[in-house]
Amino acid sequence: MAKLIDVRTAAGLLKQCEDAYILIHMNPDGDCIGSGYSLQAVLKLLGKRSKVICVDPIPERFHFLLPEEPEEDFPAKYVISVDCADESRFGSLRETYAGKVQLCIDHHISNDGYAENLLVEPDASSACEVLYKVYCELGVKFTPQIAQCLYTGIATDTGCFKFSCTGADTHLFVSEIMREFPEIRYDLINRNMFDVKSPSRIRAEMIMLSRMEYYLDGKCTMIWETKEICEENNINPKDMEGLTSLPLQPDGVEVGITLREQDDNWYRISLRSTDRINVSDICARFGGGGHVRAAGCQLQGTADEIRETLLNAVRKALEA
């Protein structure tokens, strides 16, 4: 079981570590990418070697966050994970790093304590918000790259500051970043993260909205992202990522479900809620987790079986 630590202790461990590998989760998003590469930059300021490890490639729209110089190749003496609630998030890298993480910095309430040392702040908007406090404790002087990493991670995990996880500290920390680096085009970051879409992505959204299913007196909606839909409509499967907010768009919906087809009748499940339903609790029943308003899991079975399983769980939560 992990030793729960505070920001000061985490900063102390980073000062002591050498030759660190920084693990970020599969299907990397803005928060884990911003967390991983900002931490790499901070460790470099401390005179330490580190490299970011991910089973999947970094999406092109996040390449502006990557360092210009190539990463060094060296064996790890210290293993850190950021924005990873459990070891399954490492994907196939789990076989290599399970039981070897010495420090985890996270914000998921469902974190299962797999690391030797755990700094987790469930009330934080993002892992980048937690890391901002760690960097301030370290006393390092931010660079433009660190600022962009932190801003992007916080902005993407808060839905451009509109999700319920956005707190007073979120706005305070971002304002400090913007005040120190006024030259960064935060408006362009927001445009590229939230507004710019490929034709394939636009088709994906149109199709998912047209095929949305309504249940439980309109309080629950569901969309299915299948390989067949991608093939028939010439949609890049990557453009199916990030559609989890669509099921919450209709008025009156309390829980939105997104199912994404994998292999062998496996589906990745994403649940989102608007107010009173804790979807992390629902996903925990199926071996997953996440946040109160945003969580996920995986299920295997036929479409009808999975639909009924999820609707039963949501129904119970609505009736509680």
Protein backbone atom coordinates (compact mmCIF):
# COMPACT_ATOMS: atom_id res chain seq x y z
CA MET A 1 0.00 0.00 0.00
CA ALA A 2 1.30 3.44 -0.90
CA LYS A 3 2.58 5.91 1.61
CA LEU A 4 0.42 9.02 1.32
CA ILE A 5 2.59 12.12 1.06
CA ASP A 6 2.11 15.88 0.76
CA VAL A 7 3.43 18.41 -1.73
CA ARG A 8 6.56 19.17 0.30
CA THR A 9 7.50 15.50 0.57
CA ALA A 10 6.92 14.97 -3.15
CA ALA A 11 9.20 17.91 -3.90
CA GLY A 12 11.84 16.39 -1.66
CA LEU A 13 11.66 13.06 -3.49
CA LEU A 14 12.08 14.82 -6.83
CA LYS A 15 15.17 16.60 -5.50
CA GLN A 16 16.68 13.25 -4.52
CA CYS A 17 15.77 11.16 -7.57
CA GLU A 18 18.18 10.38 -10.40
CA ASP A 19 17.68 9.10 -13.95
CA ALA A 20 13.89 9.05 -13.81
CA TYR A 21 11.36 7.50 -16.14
CA ILE A 22 8.04 9.37 -16.16
CA LEU A 23 5.10 7.13 -17.05
CA ILE A 24 1.98 8.63 -18.60
CA HIS A 25 -1.16 6.73 -19.50
CA MET A 26 -2.19 5.09 -22.75
CA ASN A 27 -4.29 7.15 -25.18
CA PRO A 28 -2.53 10.23 -23.78
CA ASP A 29 -4.54 13.40 -23.24
CA GLY A 30 -3.58 16.99 -22.50
CA ASP A 31 -3.27 16.54 -18.75
CA CYS A 32 -0.96 13.53 -18.75
CA ILE A 33 1.13 14.97 -21.60
CA GLY A 34 1.39 18.35 -19.90
CA SER A 35 2.20 16.67 -16.60
CA GLY A 36 4.83 14.36 -18.06
CA TYR A 37 6.70 16.89 -20.15
CA SER A 38 6.52 19.70 -17.61
CA LEU A 39 8.00 17.33 -15.02
CA GLN A 40 10.75 16.35 -17.44
CA ALA A 41 11.57 20.04 -17.96
CA VAL A 42 11.57 20.74 -14.21
CA LEU A 43 13.87 17.80 -13.52
CA LYS A 44 16.22 19.12 -16.18
CA LEU A 45 16.32 22.45 -14.32
CA LEU A 46 17.30 20.45 -11.24
CA GLY A 47 20.18 18.91 -13.19
CA LYS A 48 18.56 15.48 -13.57
CA ARG A 49 18.02 13.21 -16.54
CA SER A 50 14.51 11.97 -17.25
CA LYS A 51 12.39 10.69 -20.11
CA VAL A 52 8.64 10.40 -20.67
CA ILE A 53 7.37 6.89 -21.39
CA CYS A 54 4.03 6.14 -23.05
CA VAL A 55 2.77 3.05 -24.82
CA ASP A 56 0.99 5.18 -27.45
CA PRO A 57 2.35 8.01 -29.63
CA ILE A 58 1.73 11.60 -28.59
CA PRO A 59 -1.06 13.08 -30.77
CA GLU A 60 0.23 15.64 -33.24
CA ARG A 61 -1.80 18.51 -31.80
CA PHE A 62 0.23 18.21 -28.57
CA HIS A 63 3.65 18.21 -30.23
CA PHE A 64 4.16 21.88 -29.38
CA LEU A 65 4.59 20.77 -25.75
CA LEU A 66 7.49 18.42 -26.48
CA PRO A 67 11.12 19.41 -25.90
CA GLU A 68 13.14 20.38 -28.94
CA GLU A 69 16.12 18.23 -28.03
CA PRO A 70 15.87 14.41 -28.34
CA GLU A 71 15.49 12.39 -25.15
CA GLU A 72 18.54 10.58 -23.84
CA ASP A 73 18.60 6.81 -23.61
CA PHE A 74 19.51 5.51 -20.15
CA PRO A 75 18.30 2.86 -17.67
CA ALA A 76 15.89 4.04 -15.01
CA LYS A 77 16.95 4.44 -11.41
CA TYR A 78 13.65 6.01 -10.36
CA VAL A 79 10.14 5.53 -11.78
CA ILE A 80 7.45 8.20 -11.52
CA SER A 81 3.89 8.11 -12.80
CA VAL A 82 1.63 11.11 -13.36
CA ASP A 83 -2.12 11.21 -13.93
CA CYS A 84 -2.43 7.41 -13.64
CA ALA A 85 -4.96 6.05 -11.15
CA ASP A 86 -3.91 2.41 -11.54
CA GLU A 87 -1.32 0.33 -13.35
CA SER A 88 -3.74 -0.78 -16.06
CA ARG A 89 -3.44 2.75 -17.45
CA PHE A 90 0.14 1.92 -18.50
CA GLY A 91 -1.26 -0.41 -21.19
CA SER A 92 1.23 -3.05 -22.28
CA LEU A 93 3.96 -1.28 -20.27
CA ARG A 94 2.29 -2.66 -17.16
CA GLU A 95 4.26 -5.88 -17.57
CA THR A 96 7.49 -3.93 -17.26
CA TYR A 97 6.62 -1.36 -14.59
CA ALA A 98 4.03 -3.00 -12.33
CA GLY A 99 5.20 -2.75 -8.72
CA LYS A 100 8.13 -0.52 -9.67
CA VAL A 101 6.63 2.98 -9.43
CA GLN A 102 8.30 4.87 -6.60
CA LEU A 103 6.30 8.09 -6.85
CA CYS A 104 2.82 8.74 -8.23
CA ILE A 105 1.37 12.24 -8.58
CA ASP A 106 -2.32 12.17 -9.40
CA HIS A 107 -5.75 13.74 -8.90
CA HIS A 108 -8.07 10.73 -9.35
CA ILE A 109 -10.19 9.82 -6.34
CA SER A 110 -10.07 6.21 -7.55
CA ASN A 111 -6.27 5.92 -7.31
CA ASP A 112 -5.62 2.45 -5.91
CA GLY A 113 -2.31 3.22 -4.20
CA TYR A 114 -0.07 1.11 -6.46
CA ALA A 115 3.02 3.34 -6.02
CA GLU A 116 5.50 3.37 -3.15
CA ASN A 117 4.72 7.06 -2.51
CA LEU A 118 1.45 8.71 -3.50
CA LEU A 119 0.57 12.38 -3.78
CA VAL A 120 -3.09 12.48 -4.76
CA GLU A 121 -5.41 15.50 -4.52
CA PRO A 122 -8.91 14.49 -5.66
CA ASP A 123 -10.17 18.07 -5.37
CA ALA A 124 -7.61 19.32 -7.88
CA SER A 125 -8.79 19.94 -11.43
CA SER A 126 -5.93 18.02 -12.98
CA ALA A 127 -2.58 16.41 -12.35
CA CYS A 128 -1.03 19.58 -13.78
CA GLU A 129 -2.67 21.58 -11.00
CA VAL A 130 -1.08 19.31 -8.39
CA LEU A 131 2.28 19.53 -10.12
CA TYR A 132 2.07 23.33 -10.24
CA LYS A 133 2.13 23.32 -6.43
CA VAL A 134 5.01 20.85 -6.37
CA TYR A 135 7.04 23.04 -8.73
CA CYS A 136 6.35 26.10 -6.59
CA GLU A 137 7.55 24.14 -3.55
CA LEU A 138 10.73 23.28 -5.47
CA GLY A 139 11.26 26.98 -6.19
CA VAL A 140 12.13 26.45 -9.85
CA LYS A 141 11.74 29.28 -12.35
CA PHE A 142 9.20 28.28 -14.96
CA THR A 143 10.11 28.28 -18.65
CA PRO A 144 7.66 28.98 -21.50
CA GLN A 145 7.53 25.22 -22.20
CA ILE A 146 6.60 24.43 -18.60
CA ALA A 147 3.96 27.17 -18.65
CA GLN A 148 2.42 25.85 -21.86
CA CYS A 149 2.41 22.28 -20.55
CA LEU A 150 0.67 23.28 -17.33
CA TYR A 151 -1.85 25.55 -19.01
CA THR A 152 -2.75 22.95 -21.63
CA GLY A 153 -3.13 20.19 -19.05
CA ILE A 154 -5.37 22.29 -16.82
CA ALA A 155 -7.42 23.70 -19.71
CA THR A 156 -8.09 20.31 -21.29
CA ASP A 157 -9.00 18.53 -18.06
CA THR A 158 -11.43 21.31 -17.11
CA GLY A 159 -13.06 21.56 -20.54
CA CYS A 160 -11.66 25.07 -20.89
CA PHE A 161 -12.58 25.84 -17.26
CA LYS A 162 -16.26 24.87 -17.45
CA PHE A 163 -16.24 21.46 -15.69
CA SER A 164 -17.20 21.14 -12.02
CA CYS A 165 -13.60 20.25 -11.12
CA THR A 166 -12.60 23.88 -11.82
CA GLY A 167 -11.96 25.54 -8.47
CA ALA A 168 -10.67 28.84 -7.18
CA ASP A 169 -7.10 27.54 -7.10
CA THR A 170 -7.44 26.47 -10.73
CA HIS A 171 -8.14 30.04 -11.81
CA LEU A 172 -5.51 31.42 -9.43
CA PHE A 173 -2.73 29.16 -10.70
CA VAL A 174 -3.60 29.77 -14.35
CA SER A 175 -3.70 33.53 -13.79
CA GLU A 176 -0.21 33.38 -12.29
CA ILE A 177 1.05 31.44 -15.32
CA MET A 178 -0.56 33.92 -17.70
CA ARG A 179 0.78 36.87 -15.75
CA GLU A 180 4.35 35.52 -15.90
CA PHE A 181 4.16 34.56 -19.58
CA PRO A 182 1.85 37.06 -21.32
CA GLU A 183 3.53 36.34 -24.66
CA ILE A 184 2.05 32.82 -24.90
CA ARG A 185 -0.97 32.67 -27.21
CA TYR A 186 -3.40 31.02 -24.80
CA ASP A 187 -6.24 31.83 -27.19
CA LEU A 188 -4.58 29.72 -29.90
CA ILE A 189 -4.03 26.85 -27.47
CA ASN A 190 -7.74 26.96 -26.63
CA ARG A 191 -8.71 27.12 -30.30
CA ASN A 192 -6.51 24.14 -31.21
CA MET A 193 -7.65 22.11 -28.21
CA PHE A 194 -11.38 22.81 -28.39
CA ASP A 195 -12.46 24.36 -31.69
CA VAL A 196 -10.33 23.07 -34.57
CA LYS A 197 -11.60 19.72 -35.90
CA SER A 198 -10.78 17.58 -38.90
CA PRO A 199 -13.51 16.77 -41.43
CA SER A 200 -13.38 13.21 -40.09
CA ARG A 201 -14.00 14.43 -36.54
CA ILE A 202 -16.92 16.57 -37.65
CA ARG A 203 -18.47 13.56 -39.41
CA ALA A 204 -17.94 11.50 -36.26
CA GLU A 205 -19.77 14.04 -34.10
CA MET A 206 -22.66 14.35 -36.55
CA ILE A 207 -23.10 10.58 -36.73
CA MET A 208 -22.87 10.06 -32.99
CA LEU A 209 -25.43 12.79 -32.31
CA SER A 210 -27.81 11.35 -34.90
CA ARG A 211 -27.48 7.84 -33.41
CA MET A 212 -27.73 8.85 -29.75
CA GLU A 213 -30.00 6.58 -27.67
CA TYR A 214 -32.23 7.87 -24.84
CA TYR A 215 -33.13 5.86 -21.74
CA LEU A 216 -34.62 6.19 -18.25
CA ASP A 217 -37.10 8.92 -19.13
CA GLY A 218 -34.45 10.92 -20.94
CA LYS A 219 -32.13 11.07 -17.93
CA CYS A 220 -29.54 8.81 -19.55
CA THR A 221 -28.12 8.89 -23.07
CA MET A 222 -25.76 6.50 -24.84
CA ILE A 223 -23.58 6.59 -27.93
CA TRP A 224 -21.75 3.66 -29.54
CA GLU A 225 -18.44 4.11 -31.33
CA THR A 226 -17.97 0.97 -33.45
CA LYS A 227 -15.38 -0.10 -36.01
CA GLU A 228 -18.17 -0.59 -38.53
CA ILE A 229 -19.26 3.05 -38.22
CA CYS A 230 -15.67 4.22 -38.77
CA GLU A 231 -15.22 2.02 -41.84
CA GLU A 232 -18.57 2.86 -43.44
CA ASN A 233 -18.13 6.61 -42.99
CA ASN A 234 -14.38 6.90 -43.62
CA ILE A 235 -13.73 8.12 -40.09
CA ASN A 236 -10.27 7.90 -38.57
CA PRO A 237 -10.69 5.95 -35.29
CA LYS A 238 -8.52 8.59 -33.60
CA ASP A 239 -11.26 11.11 -34.31
CA MET A 240 -13.60 9.08 -32.11
CA GLU A 241 -11.50 10.07 -29.10
CA GLY A 242 -12.90 12.84 -26.96
CA LEU A 243 -16.57 12.46 -27.85
CA THR A 244 -17.55 11.69 -24.27
CA SER A 245 -19.13 15.10 -23.69
CA LEU A 246 -21.68 14.64 -26.48
CA PRO A 247 -24.16 12.49 -24.47
CA LEU A 248 -24.55 15.29 -21.90
CA GLN A 249 -25.62 17.89 -24.44
CA PRO A 250 -29.40 17.14 -24.50
CA ASP A 251 -31.44 19.03 -21.92
CA GLY A 252 -32.50 16.95 -18.92
CA VAL A 253 -29.74 14.35 -19.18
CA GLU A 254 -28.04 13.40 -15.91
CA VAL A 255 -25.75 10.58 -17.09
CA GLY A 256 -24.10 10.21 -20.49
CA ILE A 257 -22.51 6.94 -21.60
CA THR A 258 -20.00 6.45 -24.40
CA LEU A 259 -19.05 2.95 -25.53
CA ARG A 260 -16.06 2.43 -27.80
CA GLU A 261 -15.59 -0.95 -29.44
CA GLN A 262 -12.24 -2.66 -28.93
CA ASP A 263 -11.43 -6.30 -29.79
CA ASP A 264 -13.07 -9.61 -28.80
CA ASN A 265 -16.33 -7.98 -27.67
CA TRP A 266 -14.51 -5.64 -25.30
CA TYR A 267 -15.75 -2.06 -24.95
CA ARG A 268 -14.15 0.97 -23.36
CA ILE A 269 -16.82 2.71 -21.31
CA SER A 270 -16.86 6.40 -20.42
CA LEU A 271 -19.47 7.83 -18.05
CA ARG A 272 -20.14 11.52 -17.52
CA SER A 273 -22.66 13.15 -15.17
CA THR A 274 -24.02 16.64 -14.82
CA ASP A 275 -24.70 17.01 -11.12
CA ARG A 276 -25.67 14.50 -8.45
CA ILE A 277 -24.56 11.10 -9.81
CA ASN A 278 -21.10 9.81 -8.82
CA VAL A 279 -20.04 7.93 -11.95
CA SER A 280 -16.73 6.94 -10.36
CA ASP A 281 -18.70 4.73 -7.96
CA ILE A 282 -20.54 3.16 -10.88
CA CYS A 283 -17.34 2.43 -12.80
CA ALA A 284 -15.65 1.07 -9.67
CA ARG A 285 -18.15 -1.80 -9.68
CA PHE A 286 -16.68 -2.90 -12.99
CA GLY A 287 -13.01 -2.48 -12.09
CA GLY A 288 -12.69 1.11 -13.28
CA GLY A 289 -12.85 4.54 -11.71
CA GLY A 290 -11.94 8.17 -12.22
CA HIS A 291 -13.69 11.29 -10.99
CA VAL A 292 -17.09 11.97 -9.51
CA ARG A 293 -18.36 13.49 -12.77
CA ALA A 294 -16.10 11.65 -15.25
CA ALA A 295 -15.02 8.04 -15.04
CA GLY A 296 -14.42 4.94 -17.12
CA CYS A 297 -14.07 1.17 -17.19
CA GLN A 298 -13.98 -1.75 -19.61
CA LEU A 299 -16.64 -4.41 -20.17
CA GLN A 300 -16.80 -7.53 -22.30
CA GLY A 301 -19.98 -8.95 -23.81
CA THR A 302 -22.57 -8.42 -26.48
CA ALA A 303 -24.00 -4.99 -27.15
CA ASP A 304 -27.31 -5.93 -25.51
CA GLU A 305 -25.60 -7.37 -22.43
CA ILE A 306 -23.44 -4.31 -21.91
CA ARG A 307 -26.32 -1.92 -22.50
CA GLU A 308 -28.45 -3.69 -19.89
CA THR A 309 -25.60 -3.88 -17.36
CA LEU A 310 -24.86 -0.17 -17.59
CA LEU A 311 -28.49 0.93 -17.60
CA ASN A 312 -29.19 -1.15 -14.48
CA ALA A 313 -26.25 0.50 -12.70
CA VAL A 314 -27.34 3.99 -13.75
CA ARG A 315 -30.95 3.27 -12.82
CA LYS A 316 -29.93 2.28 -9.28
CA ALA A 317 -27.83 5.44 -8.94
CA LEU A 318 -30.70 7.63 -10.09
CA GLU A 319 -33.11 5.96 -7.68
CA ALA A 320 -30.77 6.19 -4.68
